[in-house]
Every structure is written in C-alpha cells, then in structure tokens.
Amino acid sequence: MNGYDRLKELYQKDYQNTPIIKIINYLLKQPDMDEKYLNEEKSIKQMYQYIIKKAGDYKVDNTAVVDDETVYGWAIDYFNISNEELGLDKKETIQCKTKPKAEKKDDDNQMQLSLEFA
C-alpha cells in the first residue's frame, strides 16, 4: 500500500460525508507526499484536531473562520512535521462545541470551515 492509498483508506473508514473530504482531496493531489502519508503516528483524526488547535489562534468571540489555503497549509504541516515537533500528544483532544460548518462563498467558490470552541 502506498501513502495515498493509506490516506484514502483512513478517510473512507471513518470520515465519509464530512467537510474533511475537501482537505483530503487537496492532500491527495500533493506530489511527493506518499511517504509522509505512510507514517503510522499520523491519523486523520489527529490532523483534524491539529487544525482545530491552530484555528483557536483565530478565535473571535469563541468562533473561528479560517480560509482554505491556511487550513491546507496546516494539513501539510501536520504530515511533514513529527508529532513531537508539533507538540502533539497521542492522548490530546481538542473539544469543539459544534460540528464544523461548511460555508460556501459565492464570489470565488471557496469553502470555509466555521468552528465554535467549547
């Protein structure tokens, strides 16, 4: 199994029909990431929690709206940098009060995820 197949398998197993598909589709188009996606310490759940943690820096009144390119950059960082360097603990969880809301912007067909933190 190559890394791209592993990423698809992880997504299809637990994350069908969620806004995460847009991030996964972006990751699957990235060249030279195959080996990164094979890293067993990495998971979609933890990648998503890392993104939520980073989005916390953008909170205003307990809500964060972050553009796609920034989220994609965090996803790439998650797979390129070791969990230790990212400061991630396997047991660490980030509480998000509501499910992410996908909001489609009319002007540029870009989607944004809105997160409300607990």
PDB file of N, CA and C in Angstrom:
ATOM      1  N   MET A   1       0.858  -1.186   0.000  1.00  0.00           N
ATOM      2  CA  MET A   1       0.000   0.000   0.000  1.00  0.00           C
ATOM      3  C   MET A   1       0.892   1.233   0.000  1.00  0.00           C
ATOM      4  N   ASN A   2       0.539   2.191  -0.844  1.00  0.00           N
ATOM      5  CA  ASN A   2       1.279   3.438  -0.819  1.00  0.00           C
ATOM      6  C   ASN A   2       0.586   4.435   0.115  1.00  0.00           C
ATOM      7  N   GLY A   3       1.223   5.555   0.332  1.00  0.00           N
ATOM      8  CA  GLY A   3       0.700   6.540   1.276  1.00  0.00           C
ATOM      9  C   GLY A   3      -0.619   7.150   0.844  1.00  0.00           C
ATOM     10  N   TYR A   4      -0.788   7.371  -0.450  1.00  0.00           N
ATOM     11  CA  TYR A   4      -2.038   7.946  -0.943  1.00  0.00           C
ATOM     12  C   TYR A   4      -3.201   6.980  -0.693  1.00  0.00           C
ATOM     13  N   ASP A   5      -2.948   5.686  -0.911  1.00  0.00           N
ATOM     14  CA  ASP A   5      -3.983   4.684  -0.640  1.00  0.00           C
ATOM     15  C   ASP A   5      -4.298   4.615   0.855  1.00  0.00           C
ATOM     16  N   ARG A   6      -3.266   4.731   1.696  1.00  0.00           N
ATOM     17  CA  ARG A   6      -3.496   4.720   3.142  1.00  0.00           C
ATOM     18  C   ARG A   6      -4.374   5.902   3.550  1.00  0.00           C
ATOM     19  N   LEU A   7      -4.083   7.069   3.009  1.00  0.00           N
ATOM     20  CA  LEU A   7      -4.869   8.256   3.334  1.00  0.00           C
ATOM     21  C   LEU A   7      -6.330   8.066   2.901  1.00  0.00           C
ATOM     22  N   LYS A   8      -6.545   7.543   1.696  1.00  0.00           N
ATOM     23  CA  LYS A   8      -7.906   7.278   1.224  1.00  0.00           C
ATOM     24  C   LYS A   8      -8.613   6.280   2.133  1.00  0.00           C
ATOM     25  N   GLU A   9      -7.899   5.230   2.522  1.00  0.00           N
ATOM     26  CA  GLU A   9      -8.484   4.202   3.384  1.00  0.00           C
ATOM     27  C   GLU A   9      -8.874   4.778   4.746  1.00  0.00           C
ATOM     28  N   LEU A  10      -7.998   5.584   5.327  1.00  0.00           N
ATOM     29  CA  LEU A  10      -8.311   6.199   6.618  1.00  0.00           C
ATOM     30  C   LEU A  10      -9.533   7.101   6.508  1.00  0.00           C
ATOM     31  N   TYR A  11      -9.623   7.834   5.423  1.00  0.00           N
ATOM     32  CA  TYR A  11     -10.763   8.725   5.231  1.00  0.00           C
ATOM     33  C   TYR A  11     -12.051   7.920   5.057  1.00  0.00           C
ATOM     34  N   GLN A  12     -12.025   6.937   4.185  1.00  0.00           N
ATOM     35  CA  GLN A  12     -13.227   6.164   3.879  1.00  0.00           C
ATOM     36  C   GLN A  12     -13.710   5.370   5.077  1.00  0.00           C
ATOM     37  N   LYS A  13     -12.802   5.008   5.946  1.00  0.00           N
ATOM     38  CA  LYS A  13     -13.161   4.213   7.124  1.00  0.00           C
ATOM     39  C   LYS A  13     -13.979   5.025   8.122  1.00  0.00           C
ATOM     40  N   ASP A  14     -13.603   6.259   8.389  1.00  0.00           N
ATOM     41  CA  ASP A  14     -14.210   6.997   9.483  1.00  0.00           C
ATOM     42  C   ASP A  14     -14.798   8.358   9.136  1.00  0.00           C
ATOM     43  N   TYR A  15     -14.562   8.883   7.963  1.00  0.00           N
ATOM     44  CA  TYR A  15     -14.882  10.285   7.737  1.00  0.00           C
ATOM     45  C   TYR A  15     -15.683  10.563   6.475  1.00  0.00           C
ATOM     46  N   GLN A  16     -16.500   9.643   6.045  1.00  0.00           N
ATOM     47  CA  GLN A  16     -17.285   9.905   4.849  1.00  0.00           C
ATOM     48  C   GLN A  16     -18.306  11.007   5.108  1.00  0.00           C
ATOM     49  N   ASN A  17     -18.542  11.802   4.088  1.00  0.00           N
ATOM     50  CA  ASN A  17     -19.561  12.853   4.120  1.00  0.00           C
ATOM     51  C   ASN A  17     -19.320  13.895   5.204  1.00  0.00           C
ATOM     52  N   THR A  18     -18.094  14.306   5.381  1.00  0.00           N
ATOM     53  CA  THR A  18     -17.776  15.392   6.303  1.00  0.00           C
ATOM     54  C   THR A  18     -16.992  16.452   5.546  1.00  0.00           C
ATOM     55  N   PRO A  19     -16.878  17.652   6.105  1.00  0.00           N
ATOM     56  CA  PRO A  19     -16.087  18.690   5.431  1.00  0.00           C
ATOM     57  C   PRO A  19     -14.611  18.318   5.278  1.00  0.00           C
ATOM     58  N   ILE A  20     -14.172  17.288   5.960  1.00  0.00           N
ATOM     59  CA  ILE A  20     -12.769  16.869   5.865  1.00  0.00           C
ATOM     60  C   ILE A  20     -12.430  16.391   4.454  1.00  0.00           C
ATOM     61  N   ILE A  21     -13.424  15.988   3.687  1.00  0.00           N
ATOM     62  CA  ILE A  21     -13.155  15.484   2.335  1.00  0.00           C
ATOM     63  C   ILE A  21     -12.425  16.525   1.488  1.00  0.00           C
ATOM     64  N   LYS A  22     -12.727  17.783   1.668  1.00  0.00           N
ATOM     65  CA  LYS A  22     -12.058  18.837   0.888  1.00  0.00           C
ATOM     66  C   LYS A  22     -10.572  18.874   1.219  1.00  0.00           C
ATOM     67  N   ILE A  23     -10.227  18.694   2.484  1.00  0.00           N
ATOM     68  CA  ILE A  23      -8.822  18.663   2.900  1.00  0.00           C
ATOM     69  C   ILE A  23      -8.146  17.418   2.338  1.00  0.00           C
ATOM     70  N   ILE A  24      -8.809  16.275   2.441  1.00  0.00           N
ATOM     71  CA  ILE A  24      -8.237  15.020   1.941  1.00  0.00           C
ATOM     72  C   ILE A  24      -8.013  15.113   0.429  1.00  0.00           C
ATOM     73  N   ASN A  25      -8.987  15.623  -0.296  1.00  0.00           N
ATOM     74  CA  ASN A  25      -8.823  15.764  -1.750  1.00  0.00           C
ATOM     75  C   ASN A  25      -7.623  16.647  -2.084  1.00  0.00           C
ATOM     76  N   TYR A  26      -7.417  17.695  -1.314  1.00  0.00           N
ATOM     77  CA  TYR A  26      -6.250  18.552  -1.518  1.00  0.00           C
ATOM     78  C   TYR A  26      -4.961  17.764  -1.253  1.00  0.00           C
ATOM     79  N   LEU A  27      -4.939  17.040  -0.145  1.00  0.00           N
ATOM     80  CA  LEU A  27      -3.741  16.279   0.210  1.00  0.00           C
ATOM     81  C   LEU A  27      -3.408  15.216  -0.835  1.00  0.00           C
ATOM     82  N   LEU A  28      -4.432  14.593  -1.399  1.00  0.00           N
ATOM     83  CA  LEU A  28      -4.209  13.544  -2.395  1.00  0.00           C
ATOM     84  C   LEU A  28      -3.608  14.091  -3.690  1.00  0.00           C
ATOM     85  N   LYS A  29      -3.725  15.373  -3.916  1.00  0.00           N
ATOM     86  CA  LYS A  29      -3.176  16.000  -5.129  1.00  0.00           C
ATOM     87  C   LYS A  29      -1.748  16.508  -4.933  1.00  0.00           C
ATOM     88  N   GLN A  30      -1.214  16.376  -3.727  1.00  0.00           N
ATOM     89  CA  GLN A  30       0.113  16.911  -3.452  1.00  0.00           C
ATOM     90  C   GLN A  30       1.205  15.919  -3.879  1.00  0.00           C
ATOM     91  N   PRO A  31       2.119  16.375  -4.722  1.00  0.00           N
ATOM     92  CA  PRO A  31       3.209  15.486  -5.141  1.00  0.00           C
ATOM     93  C   PRO A  31       4.203  15.275  -4.002  1.00  0.00           C
ATOM     94  N   ASP A  32       4.893  14.193  -4.060  1.00  0.00           N
ATOM     95  CA  ASP A  32       5.982  13.895  -3.126  1.00  0.00           C
ATOM     96  C   ASP A  32       5.538  13.766  -1.666  1.00  0.00           C
ATOM     97  N   MET A  33       4.283  13.420  -1.430  1.00  0.00           N
ATOM     98  CA  MET A  33       3.809  13.259  -0.056  1.00  0.00           C
ATOM     99  C   MET A  33       3.545  11.792   0.288  1.00  0.00           C
ATOM    100  N   ASP A  34       3.714  10.896  -0.675  1.00  0.00           N
ATOM    101  CA  ASP A  34       3.398   9.479  -0.483  1.00  0.00           C
ATOM    102  C   ASP A  34       4.011   8.928   0.805  1.00  0.00           C
ATOM    103  N   GLU A  35       5.292   9.116   0.999  1.00  0.00           N
ATOM    104  CA  GLU A  35       5.981   8.595   2.181  1.00  0.00           C
ATOM    105  C   GLU A  35       5.444   9.213   3.468  1.00  0.00           C
ATOM    106  N   LYS A  36       5.084  10.484   3.425  1.00  0.00           N
ATOM    107  CA  LYS A  36       4.567  11.181   4.608  1.00  0.00           C
ATOM    108  C   LYS A  36       3.258  10.562   5.078  1.00  0.00           C
ATOM    109  N   TYR A  37       2.408  10.160   4.133  1.00  0.00           N
ATOM    110  CA  TYR A  37       1.112   9.588   4.474  1.00  0.00           C
ATOM    111  C   TYR A  37       1.229   8.162   5.015  1.00  0.00           C
ATOM    112  N   LEU A  38       2.374   7.539   4.856  1.00  0.00           N
ATOM    113  CA  LEU A  38       2.593   6.195   5.394  1.00  0.00           C
ATOM    114  C   LEU A  38       2.981   6.202   6.870  1.00  0.00           C
ATOM    115  N   ASN A  39       3.297   7.351   7.405  1.00  0.00           N
ATOM    116  CA  ASN A  39       3.728   7.473   8.798  1.00  0.00           C
ATOM    117  C   ASN A  39       2.603   7.016   9.730  1.00  0.00           C
ATOM    118  N   GLU A  40       2.838   5.941  10.464  1.00  0.00           N
ATOM    119  CA  GLU A  40       1.830   5.334  11.338  1.00  0.00           C
ATOM    120  C   GLU A  40       1.433   6.221  12.514  1.00  0.00           C
ATOM    121  N   GLU A  41       2.260   7.187  12.886  1.00  0.00           N
ATOM    122  CA  GLU A  41       1.896   8.069  14.000  1.00  0.00           C
ATOM    123  C   GLU A  41       0.881   9.119  13.569  1.00  0.00           C
ATOM    124  N   LYS A  42       0.626   9.208  12.284  1.00  0.00           N
ATOM    125  CA  LYS A  42      -0.287  10.211  11.746  1.00  0.00           C
ATOM    126  C   LYS A  42      -1.665   9.607  11.487  1.00  0.00           C
ATOM    127  N   SER A  43      -2.700  10.397  11.773  1.00  0.00           N
ATOM    128  CA  SER A  43      -4.072   9.961  11.517  1.00  0.00           C
ATOM    129  C   SER A  43      -4.899  11.163  11.076  1.00  0.00           C
ATOM    130  N   ILE A  44      -6.001  10.885  10.438  1.00  0.00           N
ATOM    131  CA  ILE A  44      -6.885  11.971  10.016  1.00  0.00           C
ATOM    132  C   ILE A  44      -7.496  12.643  11.233  1.00  0.00           C
ATOM    133  N   LYS A  45      -7.866  11.858  12.225  1.00  0.00           N
ATOM    134  CA  LYS A  45      -8.454  12.430  13.438  1.00  0.00           C
ATOM    135  C   LYS A  45      -7.491  13.409  14.096  1.00  0.00           C
ATOM    136  N   GLN A  46      -6.243  13.017  14.242  1.00  0.00           N
ATOM    137  CA  GLN A  46      -5.274  13.900  14.887  1.00  0.00           C
ATOM    138  C   GLN A  46      -4.942  15.093  13.989  1.00  0.00           C
ATOM    139  N   MET A  47      -4.912  14.889  12.671  1.00  0.00           N
ATOM    140  CA  MET A  47      -4.696  16.009  11.754  1.00  0.00           C
ATOM    141  C   MET A  47      -5.801  17.042  11.950  1.00  0.00           C
ATOM    142  N   TYR A  48      -7.037  16.567  12.013  1.00  0.00           N
ATOM    143  CA  TYR A  48      -8.178  17.459  12.190  1.00  0.00           C
ATOM    144  C   TYR A  48      -8.100  18.178  13.533  1.00  0.00           C
ATOM    145  N   GLN A  49      -7.694  17.465  14.566  1.00  0.00           N
ATOM    146  CA  GLN A  49      -7.556  18.105  15.879  1.00  0.00           C
ATOM    147  C   GLN A  49      -6.433  19.137  15.864  1.00  0.00           C
ATOM    148  N   TYR A  50      -5.374  18.865  15.128  1.00  0.00           N
ATOM    149  CA  TYR A  50      -4.291  19.843  14.976  1.00  0.00           C
ATOM    150  C   TYR A  50      -4.824  21.101  14.289  1.00  0.00           C
ATOM    151  N   ILE A  51      -5.632  20.922  13.254  1.00  0.00           N
ATOM    152  CA  ILE A  51      -6.218  22.060  12.540  1.00  0.00           C
ATOM    153  C   ILE A  51      -7.125  22.855  13.478  1.00  0.00           C
ATOM    154  N   ILE A  52      -7.920  22.178  14.279  1.00  0.00           N
ATOM    155  CA  ILE A  52      -8.792  22.861  15.238  1.00  0.00           C
ATOM    156  C   ILE A  52      -7.950  23.648  16.243  1.00  0.00           C
ATOM    157  N   LYS A  53      -6.865  23.022  16.701  1.00  0.00           N
ATOM    158  CA  LYS A  53      -5.975  23.698  17.658  1.00  0.00           C
ATOM    159  C   LYS A  53      -5.398  24.974  17.040  1.00  0.00           C
ATOM    160  N   LYS A  54      -4.935  24.875  15.801  1.00  0.00           N
ATOM    161  CA  LYS A  54      -4.378  26.040  15.118  1.00  0.00           C
ATOM    162  C   LYS A  54      -5.457  27.104  14.871  1.00  0.00           C
ATOM    163  N   ALA A  55      -6.667  26.672  14.554  1.00  0.00           N
ATOM    164  CA  ALA A  55      -7.767  27.612  14.322  1.00  0.00           C
ATOM    165  C   ALA A  55      -8.100  28.390  15.590  1.00  0.00           C
ATOM    166  N   GLY A  56      -7.784  27.821  16.747  1.00  0.00           N
ATOM    167  CA  GLY A  56      -8.016  28.511  18.009  1.00  0.00           C
ATOM    168  C   GLY A  56      -7.312  29.858  18.075  1.00  0.00           C
ATOM    169  N   ASP A  57      -6.215  29.999  17.354  1.00  0.00           N
ATOM    170  CA  ASP A  57      -5.495  31.270  17.310  1.00  0.00           C
ATOM    171  C   ASP A  57      -6.286  32.349  16.565  1.00  0.00           C
ATOM    172  N   TYR A  58      -7.282  31.933  15.809  1.00  0.00           N
ATOM    173  CA  TYR A  58      -8.094  32.856  15.016  1.00  0.00           C
ATOM    174  C   TYR A  58      -9.445  33.150  15.668  1.00  0.00           C
ATOM    175  N   LYS A  59      -9.638  32.652  16.877  1.00  0.00           N
ATOM    176  CA  LYS A  59     -10.937  32.806  17.539  1.00  0.00           C
ATOM    177  C   LYS A  59     -11.281  34.268  17.790  1.00  0.00           C
ATOM    178  N   VAL A  60     -12.532  34.577  17.535  1.00  0.00           N
ATOM    179  CA  VAL A  60     -13.119  35.855  17.909  1.00  0.00           C
ATOM    180  C   VAL A  60     -14.478  35.500  18.501  1.00  0.00           C
ATOM    181  N   ASP A  61     -14.694  35.890  19.749  1.00  0.00           N
ATOM    182  CA  ASP A  61     -15.941  35.539  20.430  1.00  0.00           C
ATOM    183  C   ASP A  61     -16.217  34.042  20.350  1.00  0.00           C
ATOM    184  N   ASN A  62     -15.199  33.247  20.559  1.00  0.00           N
ATOM    185  CA  ASN A  62     -15.293  31.790  20.630  1.00  0.00           C
ATOM    186  C   ASN A  62     -15.646  31.116  19.299  1.00  0.00           C
ATOM    187  N   THR A  63     -15.460  31.807  18.183  1.00  0.00           N
ATOM    188  CA  THR A  63     -15.703  31.248  16.859  1.00  0.00           C
ATOM    189  C   THR A  63     -14.515  31.588  15.968  1.00  0.00           C
ATOM    190  N   ALA A  64     -14.125  30.623  15.131  1.00  0.00           N
ATOM    191  CA  ALA A  64     -13.020  30.850  14.202  1.00  0.00           C
ATOM    192  C   ALA A  64     -13.477  30.551  12.781  1.00  0.00           C
ATOM    193  N   VAL A  65     -13.126  31.416  11.854  1.00  0.00           N
ATOM    194  CA  VAL A  65     -13.346  31.185  10.429  1.00  0.00           C
ATOM    195  C   VAL A  65     -11.980  31.317   9.773  1.00  0.00           C
ATOM    196  N   VAL A  66     -11.555  30.257   9.091  1.00  0.00           N
ATOM    197  CA  VAL A  66     -10.217  30.212   8.514  1.00  0.00           C
ATOM    198  C   VAL A  66     -10.329  29.854   7.034  1.00  0.00           C
ATOM    199  N   ASP A  67      -9.573  30.543   6.186  1.00  0.00           N
ATOM    200  CA  ASP A  67      -9.647  30.282   4.747  1.00  0.00           C
ATOM    201  C   ASP A  67      -8.995  28.940   4.395  1.00  0.00           C
ATOM    202  N   ASP A  68      -9.386  28.420   3.246  1.00  0.00           N
ATOM    203  CA  ASP A  68      -8.937  27.107   2.788  1.00  0.00           C
ATOM    204  C   ASP A  68      -7.420  26.977   2.739  1.00  0.00           C
ATOM    205  N   GLU A  69      -6.754  27.939   2.135  1.00  0.00           N
ATOM    206  CA  GLU A  69      -5.306  27.837   1.953  1.00  0.00           C
ATOM    207  C   GLU A  69      -4.569  27.699   3.285  1.00  0.00           C
ATOM    208  N   THR A  70      -5.044  28.384   4.302  1.00  0.00           N
ATOM    209  CA  THR A  70      -4.424  28.277   5.625  1.00  0.00           C
ATOM    210  C   THR A  70      -4.645  26.886   6.190  1.00  0.00           C
ATOM    211  N   VAL A  71      -5.861  26.382   6.063  1.00  0.00           N
ATOM    212  CA  VAL A  71      -6.174  25.032   6.560  1.00  0.00           C
ATOM    213  C   VAL A  71      -5.343  23.991   5.813  1.00  0.00           C
ATOM    214  N   TYR A  72      -5.230  24.129   4.495  1.00  0.00           N
ATOM    215  CA  TYR A  72      -4.419  23.196   3.715  1.00  0.00           C
ATOM    216  C   TYR A  72      -2.963  23.222   4.167  1.00  0.00           C
ATOM    217  N   GLY A  73      -2.466  24.411   4.449  1.00  0.00           N
ATOM    218  CA  GLY A  73      -1.088  24.535   4.933  1.00  0.00           C
ATOM    219  C   GLY A  73      -0.893  23.806   6.251  1.00  0.00           C
ATOM    220  N   TRP A  74      -1.863  23.918   7.151  1.00  0.00           N
ATOM    221  CA  TRP A  74      -1.774  23.209   8.430  1.00  0.00           C
ATOM    222  C   TRP A  74      -1.807  21.689   8.223  1.00  0.00           C
ATOM    223  N   ALA A  75      -2.628  21.233   7.275  1.00  0.00           N
ATOM    224  CA  ALA A  75      -2.705  19.798   6.988  1.00  0.00           C
ATOM    225  C   ALA A  75      -1.364  19.290   6.456  1.00  0.00           C
ATOM    226  N   ILE A  76      -0.750  20.043   5.560  1.00  0.00           N
ATOM    227  CA  ILE A  76       0.566  19.668   5.034  1.00  0.00           C
ATOM    228  C   ILE A  76       1.603  19.678   6.157  1.00  0.00           C
ATOM    229  N   ASP A  77       1.580  20.700   6.993  1.00  0.00           N
ATOM    230  CA  ASP A  77       2.494  20.766   8.136  1.00  0.00           C
ATOM    231  C   ASP A  77       2.339  19.543   9.023  1.00  0.00           C
ATOM    232  N   TYR A  78       1.100  19.159   9.286  1.00  0.00           N
ATOM    233  CA  TYR A  78       0.842  18.011  10.148  1.00  0.00           C
ATOM    234  C   TYR A  78       1.554  16.769   9.620  1.00  0.00           C
ATOM    235  N   PHE A  79       1.513  16.535   8.331  1.00  0.00           N
ATOM    236  CA  PHE A  79       2.150  15.342   7.768  1.00  0.00           C
ATOM    237  C   PHE A  79       3.651  15.511   7.559  1.00  0.00           C
ATOM    238  N   ASN A  80       4.143  16.722   7.448  1.00  0.00           N
ATOM    239  CA  ASN A  80       5.571  16.958   7.215  1.00  0.00           C
ATOM    240  C   ASN A  80       6.401  17.035   8.485  1.00  0.00           C
ATOM    241  N   ILE A  81       5.767  17.355   9.595  1.00  0.00           N
ATOM    242  CA  ILE A  81       6.495  17.591  10.843  1.00  0.00           C
ATOM    243  C   ILE A  81       6.115  16.512  11.854  1.00  0.00           C
ATOM    244  N   SER A  82       7.089  16.039  12.612  1.00  0.00           N
ATOM    245  CA  SER A  82       6.805  14.980  13.587  1.00  0.00           C
ATOM    246  C   SER A  82       5.819  15.476  14.646  1.00  0.00           C
ATOM    247  N   ASN A  83       5.077  14.547  15.214  1.00  0.00           N
ATOM    248  CA  ASN A  83       4.121  14.901  16.267  1.00  0.00           C
ATOM    249  C   ASN A  83       4.829  15.559  17.443  1.00  0.00           C
ATOM    250  N   GLU A  84       6.015  15.093  17.753  1.00  0.00           N
ATOM    251  CA  GLU A  84       6.777  15.675  18.862  1.00  0.00           C
ATOM    252  C   GLU A  84       7.097  17.142  18.578  1.00  0.00           C
ATOM    253  N   GLU A  85       7.565  17.423  17.349  1.00  0.00           N
ATOM    254  CA  GLU A  85       7.880  18.804  16.981  1.00  0.00           C
ATOM    255  C   GLU A  85       6.633  19.691  16.947  1.00  0.00           C
ATOM    256  N   LEU A  86       5.497  19.090  16.623  1.00  0.00           N
ATOM    257  CA  LEU A  86       4.238  19.840  16.601  1.00  0.00           C
ATOM    258  C   LEU A  86       3.652  20.023  18.001  1.00  0.00           C
ATOM    259  N   GLY A  87       4.231  19.323  18.969  1.00  0.00           N
ATOM    260  CA  GLY A  87       3.724  19.414  20.330  1.00  0.00           C
ATOM    261  C   GLY A  87       2.442  18.631  20.525  1.00  0.00           C
ATOM    262  N   LEU A  88       2.261  17.560  19.748  1.00  0.00           N
ATOM    263  CA  LEU A  88       1.048  16.754  19.843  1.00  0.00           C
ATOM    264  C   LEU A  88       1.282  15.537  20.727  1.00  0.00           C
ATOM    265  N   ASP A  89       0.333  15.294  21.574  1.00  0.00           N
ATOM    266  CA  ASP A  89       0.328  14.120  22.439  1.00  0.00           C
ATOM    267  C   ASP A  89      -0.745  13.189  21.899  1.00  0.00           C
ATOM    268  N   LYS A  90      -0.486  11.895  21.874  1.00  0.00           N
ATOM    269  CA  LYS A  90      -1.473  10.955  21.362  1.00  0.00           C
ATOM    270  C   LYS A  90      -2.806  11.068  22.090  1.00  0.00           C
ATOM    271  N   LYS A  91      -2.770  11.412  23.363  1.00  0.00           N
ATOM    272  CA  LYS A  91      -3.988  11.467  24.164  1.00  0.00           C
ATOM    273  C   LYS A  91      -4.678  12.821  24.084  1.00  0.00           C
ATOM    274  N   GLU A  92      -4.003  13.797  23.473  1.00  0.00           N
ATOM    275  CA  GLU A  92      -4.549  15.150  23.410  1.00  0.00           C
ATOM    276  C   GLU A  92      -5.789  15.191  22.531  1.00  0.00           C
ATOM    277  N   THR A  93      -6.834  15.812  23.035  1.00  0.00           N
ATOM    278  CA  THR A  93      -8.029  16.032  22.235  1.00  0.00           C
ATOM    279  C   THR A  93      -8.442  17.483  22.373  1.00  0.00           C
ATOM    280  N   ILE A  94      -8.962  18.018  21.335  1.00  0.00           N
ATOM    281  CA  ILE A  94      -9.450  19.390  21.318  1.00  0.00           C
ATOM    282  C   ILE A  94     -10.969  19.315  21.285  1.00  0.00           C
ATOM    283  N   GLN A  95     -11.616  20.022  22.167  1.00  0.00           N
ATOM    284  CA  GLN A  95     -13.072  19.999  22.215  1.00  0.00           C
ATOM    285  C   GLN A  95     -13.628  21.075  21.303  1.00  0.00           C
ATOM    286  N   CYS A  96     -14.464  20.668  20.412  1.00  0.00           N
ATOM    287  CA  CYS A  96     -15.157  21.590  19.527  1.00  0.00           C
ATOM    288  C   CYS A  96     -16.636  21.458  19.853  1.00  0.00           C
ATOM    289  N   LYS A  97     -17.266  22.563  20.201  1.00  0.00           N
ATOM    290  CA  LYS A  97     -18.646  22.568  20.669  1.00  0.00           C
ATOM    291  C   LYS A  97     -19.628  22.101  19.593  1.00  0.00           C
ATOM    292  N   THR A  98     -19.393  22.477  18.372  1.00  0.00           N
ATOM    293  CA  THR A  98     -20.293  22.113  17.294  1.00  0.00           C
ATOM    294  C   THR A  98     -19.501  21.462  16.167  1.00  0.00           C
ATOM    295  N   LYS A  99     -20.210  20.742  15.323  1.00  0.00           N
ATOM    296  CA  LYS A  99     -19.564  20.172  14.147  1.00  0.00           C
ATOM    297  C   LYS A  99     -19.158  21.322  13.231  1.00  0.00           C
ATOM    298  N   PRO A 100     -18.091  21.118  12.459  1.00  0.00           N
ATOM    299  CA  PRO A 100     -17.692  22.185  11.549  1.00  0.00           C
ATOM    300  C   PRO A 100     -18.802  22.464  10.554  1.00  0.00           C
ATOM    301  N   LYS A 101     -18.979  23.725  10.249  1.00  0.00           N
ATOM    302  CA  LYS A 101     -19.986  24.126   9.272  1.00  0.00           C
ATOM    303  C   LYS A 101     -19.263  24.530   7.998  1.00  0.00           C
ATOM    304  N   ALA A 102     -19.628  23.897   6.911  1.00  0.00           N
ATOM    305  CA  ALA A 102     -19.054  24.264   5.629  1.00  0.00           C
ATOM    306  C   ALA A 102     -19.860  25.414   5.063  1.00  0.00           C
ATOM    307  N   GLU A 103     -19.199  26.502   4.781  1.00  0.00           N
ATOM    308  CA  GLU A 103     -19.869  27.678   4.243  1.00  0.00           C
ATOM    309  C   GLU A 103     -19.305  27.976   2.870  1.00  0.00           C
ATOM    310  N   LYS A 104     -20.140  27.943   1.864  1.00  0.00           N
ATOM    311  CA  LYS A 104     -19.694  28.211   0.501  1.00  0.00           C
ATOM    312  C   LYS A 104     -19.803  29.699   0.218  1.00  0.00           C
ATOM    313  N   LYS A 105     -18.710  30.278  -0.222  1.00  0.00           N
ATOM    314  CA  LYS A 105     -18.693  31.692  -0.583  1.00  0.00           C
ATOM    315  C   LYS A 105     -19.055  31.805  -2.059  1.00  0.00           C
ATOM    316  N   ASP A 106     -19.965  32.702  -2.387  1.00  0.00           N
ATOM    317  CA  ASP A 106     -20.424  32.839  -3.764  1.00  0.00           C
ATOM    318  C   ASP A 106     -19.380  33.416  -4.695  1.00  0.00           C
ATOM    319  N   ASP A 107     -18.559  34.349  -4.213  1.00  0.00           N
ATOM    320  CA  ASP A 107     -17.660  35.087  -5.090  1.00  0.00           C
ATOM    321  C   ASP A 107     -16.544  34.258  -5.709  1.00  0.00           C
ATOM    322  N   ASP A 108     -15.973  33.328  -4.979  1.00  0.00           N
ATOM    323  CA  ASP A 108     -14.849  32.576  -5.535  1.00  0.00           C
ATOM    324  C   ASP A 108     -14.988  31.071  -5.376  1.00  0.00           C
ATOM    325  N   ASN A 109     -16.198  30.621  -5.067  1.00  0.00           N
ATOM    326  CA  ASN A 109     -16.479  29.194  -4.934  1.00  0.00           C
ATOM    327  C   ASN A 109     -15.570  28.525  -3.902  1.00  0.00           C
ATOM    328  N   GLN A 110     -15.156  29.269  -2.918  1.00  0.00           N
ATOM    329  CA  GLN A 110     -14.280  28.757  -1.869  1.00  0.00           C
ATOM    330  C   GLN A 110     -15.114  28.377  -0.657  1.00  0.00           C
ATOM    331  N   MET A 111     -14.726  27.316   0.001  1.00  0.00           N
ATOM    332  CA  MET A 111     -15.433  26.870   1.183  1.00  0.00           C
ATOM    333  C   MET A 111     -14.625  27.241   2.420  1.00  0.00           C
ATOM    334  N   GLN A 112     -15.302  27.627   3.464  1.00  0.00           N
ATOM    335  CA  GLN A 112     -14.634  27.917   4.727  1.00  0.00           C
ATOM    336  C   GLN A 112     -15.272  27.066   5.813  1.00  0.00           C
ATOM    337  N   LEU A 113     -14.472  26.646   6.776  1.00  0.00           N
ATOM    338  CA  LEU A 113     -14.985  25.901   7.908  1.00  0.00           C
ATOM    339  C   LEU A 113     -15.114  26.849   9.083  1.00  0.00           C
ATOM    340  N   SER A 114     -16.280  26.856   9.704  1.00  0.00           N
ATOM    341  CA  SER A 114     -16.505  27.661  10.902  1.00  0.00           C
ATOM    342  C   SER A 114     -16.514  26.723  12.093  1.00  0.00           C
ATOM    343  N   LEU A 115     -15.748  27.053  13.107  1.00  0.00           N
ATOM    344  CA  LEU A 115     -15.650  26.210  14.296  1.00  0.00           C
ATOM    345  C   LEU A 115     -16.025  27.026  15.511  1.00  0.00           C
ATOM    346  N   GLU A 116     -16.817  26.436  16.392  1.00  0.00           N
ATOM    347  CA  GLU A 116     -17.126  27.067  17.663  1.00  0.00           C
ATOM    348  C   GLU A 116     -16.493  26.220  18.746  1.00  0.00           C
ATOM    349  N   PHE A 117     -15.695  26.844  19.591  1.00  0.00           N
ATOM    350  CA  PHE A 117     -14.929  26.130  20.583  1.00  0.00           C
ATOM    351  C   PHE A 117     -15.659  26.055  21.910  1.00  0.00           C
ATOM    352  N   ALA A 118     -15.443  24.945  22.630  1.00  0.00           N
ATOM    353  CA  ALA A 118     -16.041  24.747  23.946  1.00  0.00           C
ATOM    354  C   ALA A 118     -15.344  25.585  24.971  1.00  0.00           C
TER     355      ALA A 118
END
